[in-house]
Amino acid sequence: MKNKVLLLAFAAFTLAAIFSVVSNFLTPLSPTLLFAARWIAIATLAVYAFYKRSLRLGFLWRWSSARPSDTTGLMSRSTCG
């Protein structure tokens, strides 16, 4: 069961990445679609972590809340200490 959920999580993250690349370089996609794809990927990873009994997913909160208009990025001074 863990392997199937891991494969599903990998597929969800791959799909979210493809949507992001398409939206940035080819044609704009709906922000709702991008948001949903990211959160579905995060949810599948959380389910995998639950099965593996490893719930260290706090770093994903910053990744999922990053916006393209955020000029500081994820590695700004305020987040690095």
C-alpha atoms as a PDB file:
ATOM      1  CA  MET A   1       0.000   0.000   0.000  1.00  0.00           C
ATOM      2  CA  LYS A   2       2.852   2.414   0.834  1.00  0.00           C
ATOM      3  CA  ASN A   3       4.422   1.895  -2.581  1.00  0.00           C
ATOM      4  CA  LYS A   4       1.157   2.624  -4.379  1.00  0.00           C
ATOM      5  CA  VAL A   5       0.647   5.838  -2.418  1.00  0.00           C
ATOM      6  CA  LEU A   6       4.256   6.855  -3.079  1.00  0.00           C
ATOM      7  CA  LEU A   7       3.750   6.267  -6.792  1.00  0.00           C
ATOM      8  CA  LEU A   8       0.542   8.318  -6.670  1.00  0.00           C
ATOM      9  CA  ALA A   9       2.370  11.129  -4.843  1.00  0.00           C
ATOM     10  CA  PHE A  10       5.147  11.075  -7.437  1.00  0.00           C
ATOM     11  CA  ALA A  11       2.585  11.251 -10.242  1.00  0.00           C
ATOM     12  CA  ALA A  12       0.746  14.117  -8.531  1.00  0.00           C
ATOM     13  CA  PHE A  13       3.961  16.127  -8.065  1.00  0.00           C
ATOM     14  CA  THR A  14       4.956  15.436 -11.659  1.00  0.00           C
ATOM     15  CA  LEU A  15       1.574  16.628 -12.895  1.00  0.00           C
ATOM     16  CA  ALA A  16       1.776  19.760 -10.730  1.00  0.00           C
ATOM     17  CA  ALA A  17       5.255  20.481 -12.114  1.00  0.00           C
ATOM     18  CA  ILE A  18       4.078  19.999 -15.701  1.00  0.00           C
ATOM     19  CA  PHE A  19       1.135  22.344 -15.088  1.00  0.00           C
ATOM     20  CA  SER A  20       3.502  24.936 -13.637  1.00  0.00           C
ATOM     21  CA  VAL A  21       5.890  24.751 -16.589  1.00  0.00           C
ATOM     22  CA  VAL A  22       3.036  24.942 -19.098  1.00  0.00           C
ATOM     23  CA  SER A  23       1.535  27.905 -17.263  1.00  0.00           C
ATOM     24  CA  ASN A  24       4.834  29.799 -17.101  1.00  0.00           C
ATOM     25  CA  PHE A  25       6.208  29.112 -20.566  1.00  0.00           C
ATOM     26  CA  LEU A  26       3.415  28.101 -22.951  1.00  0.00           C
ATOM     27  CA  THR A  27      -0.053  29.274 -22.042  1.00  0.00           C
ATOM     28  CA  PRO A  28      -1.455  30.616 -18.785  1.00  0.00           C
ATOM     29  CA  LEU A  29      -3.498  28.074 -16.875  1.00  0.00           C
ATOM     30  CA  SER A  30      -6.108  28.821 -14.282  1.00  0.00           C
ATOM     31  CA  PRO A  31      -4.612  29.703 -10.879  1.00  0.00           C
ATOM     32  CA  THR A  32      -7.288  27.495  -9.346  1.00  0.00           C
ATOM     33  CA  LEU A  33      -6.038  24.510 -11.358  1.00  0.00           C
ATOM     34  CA  LEU A  34      -2.447  25.150 -10.293  1.00  0.00           C
ATOM     35  CA  PHE A  35      -3.488  25.586  -6.661  1.00  0.00           C
ATOM     36  CA  ALA A  36      -5.535  22.384  -6.703  1.00  0.00           C
ATOM     37  CA  ALA A  37      -2.746  20.383  -8.378  1.00  0.00           C
ATOM     38  CA  ARG A  38      -0.232  21.502  -5.743  1.00  0.00           C
ATOM     39  CA  TRP A  39      -2.513  20.696  -2.834  1.00  0.00           C
ATOM     40  CA  ILE A  40      -3.463  17.310  -4.250  1.00  0.00           C
ATOM     41  CA  ALA A  41       0.250  16.518  -4.522  1.00  0.00           C
ATOM     42  CA  ILE A  42       0.816  17.660  -0.939  1.00  0.00           C
ATOM     43  CA  ALA A  43      -2.160  15.621   0.279  1.00  0.00           C
ATOM     44  CA  THR A  44      -0.869  12.450  -1.363  1.00  0.00           C
ATOM     45  CA  LEU A  45       2.552  13.017   0.174  1.00  0.00           C
ATOM     46  CA  ALA A  46       0.898  13.516   3.576  1.00  0.00           C
ATOM     47  CA  VAL A  47      -0.975  10.214   3.155  1.00  0.00           C
ATOM     48  CA  TYR A  48       2.312   8.496   2.314  1.00  0.00           C
ATOM     49  CA  ALA A  49       3.958  10.060   5.360  1.00  0.00           C
ATOM     50  CA  PHE A  50       1.060   8.857   7.506  1.00  0.00           C
ATOM     51  CA  TYR A  51       1.516   5.281   6.276  1.00  0.00           C
ATOM     52  CA  LYS A  52       5.262   5.514   6.795  1.00  0.00           C
ATOM     53  CA  ARG A  53       4.718   7.192  10.191  1.00  0.00           C
ATOM     54  CA  SER A  54       6.933  10.131   9.278  1.00  0.00           C
ATOM     55  CA  LEU A  55       5.028  13.402   9.431  1.00  0.00           C
ATOM     56  CA  ARG A  56       7.878  15.862   8.865  1.00  0.00           C
ATOM     57  CA  LEU A  57       6.099  17.910   6.203  1.00  0.00           C
ATOM     58  CA  GLY A  58       6.406  21.428   7.629  1.00  0.00           C
ATOM     59  CA  PHE A  59       8.703  22.541   4.815  1.00  0.00           C
ATOM     60  CA  LEU A  60       5.898  21.986   2.328  1.00  0.00           C
ATOM     61  CA  TRP A  61       3.840  24.734   3.927  1.00  0.00           C
ATOM     62  CA  ARG A  62       6.323  27.373   2.720  1.00  0.00           C
ATOM     63  CA  TRP A  63       6.549  25.769  -0.728  1.00  0.00           C
ATOM     64  CA  SER A  64       2.804  25.627  -1.220  1.00  0.00           C
ATOM     65  CA  SER A  65       2.226  29.212  -0.114  1.00  0.00           C
ATOM     66  CA  ALA A  66       4.879  30.697  -2.427  1.00  0.00           C
ATOM     67  CA  ARG A  67       3.454  32.940  -5.106  1.00  0.00           C
ATOM     68  CA  PRO A  68       5.030  33.784  -8.497  1.00  0.00           C
ATOM     69  CA  SER A  69       4.881  37.496  -7.575  1.00  0.00           C
ATOM     70  CA  ASP A  70       6.955  36.856  -4.446  1.00  0.00           C
ATOM     71  CA  THR A  71      10.273  38.512  -5.292  1.00  0.00           C
ATOM     72  CA  THR A  72      12.068  37.385  -2.146  1.00  0.00           C
ATOM     73  CA  GLY A  73      11.672  33.694  -2.926  1.00  0.00           C
ATOM     74  CA  LEU A  74      11.864  30.868  -0.453  1.00  0.00           C
ATOM     75  CA  MET A  75      15.434  31.542   0.607  1.00  0.00           C
ATOM     76  CA  SER A  76      15.118  35.100   1.908  1.00  0.00           C
ATOM     77  CA  ARG A  77      17.005  36.228   5.005  1.00  0.00           C
ATOM     78  CA  SER A  78      13.877  36.037   7.140  1.00  0.00           C
ATOM     79  CA  THR A  79      13.410  32.317   6.427  1.00  0.00           C
ATOM     80  CA  CYS A  80      17.073  31.304   6.618  1.00  0.00           C
ATOM     81  CA  GLY A  81      17.675  32.465  10.147  1.00  0.00           C
END
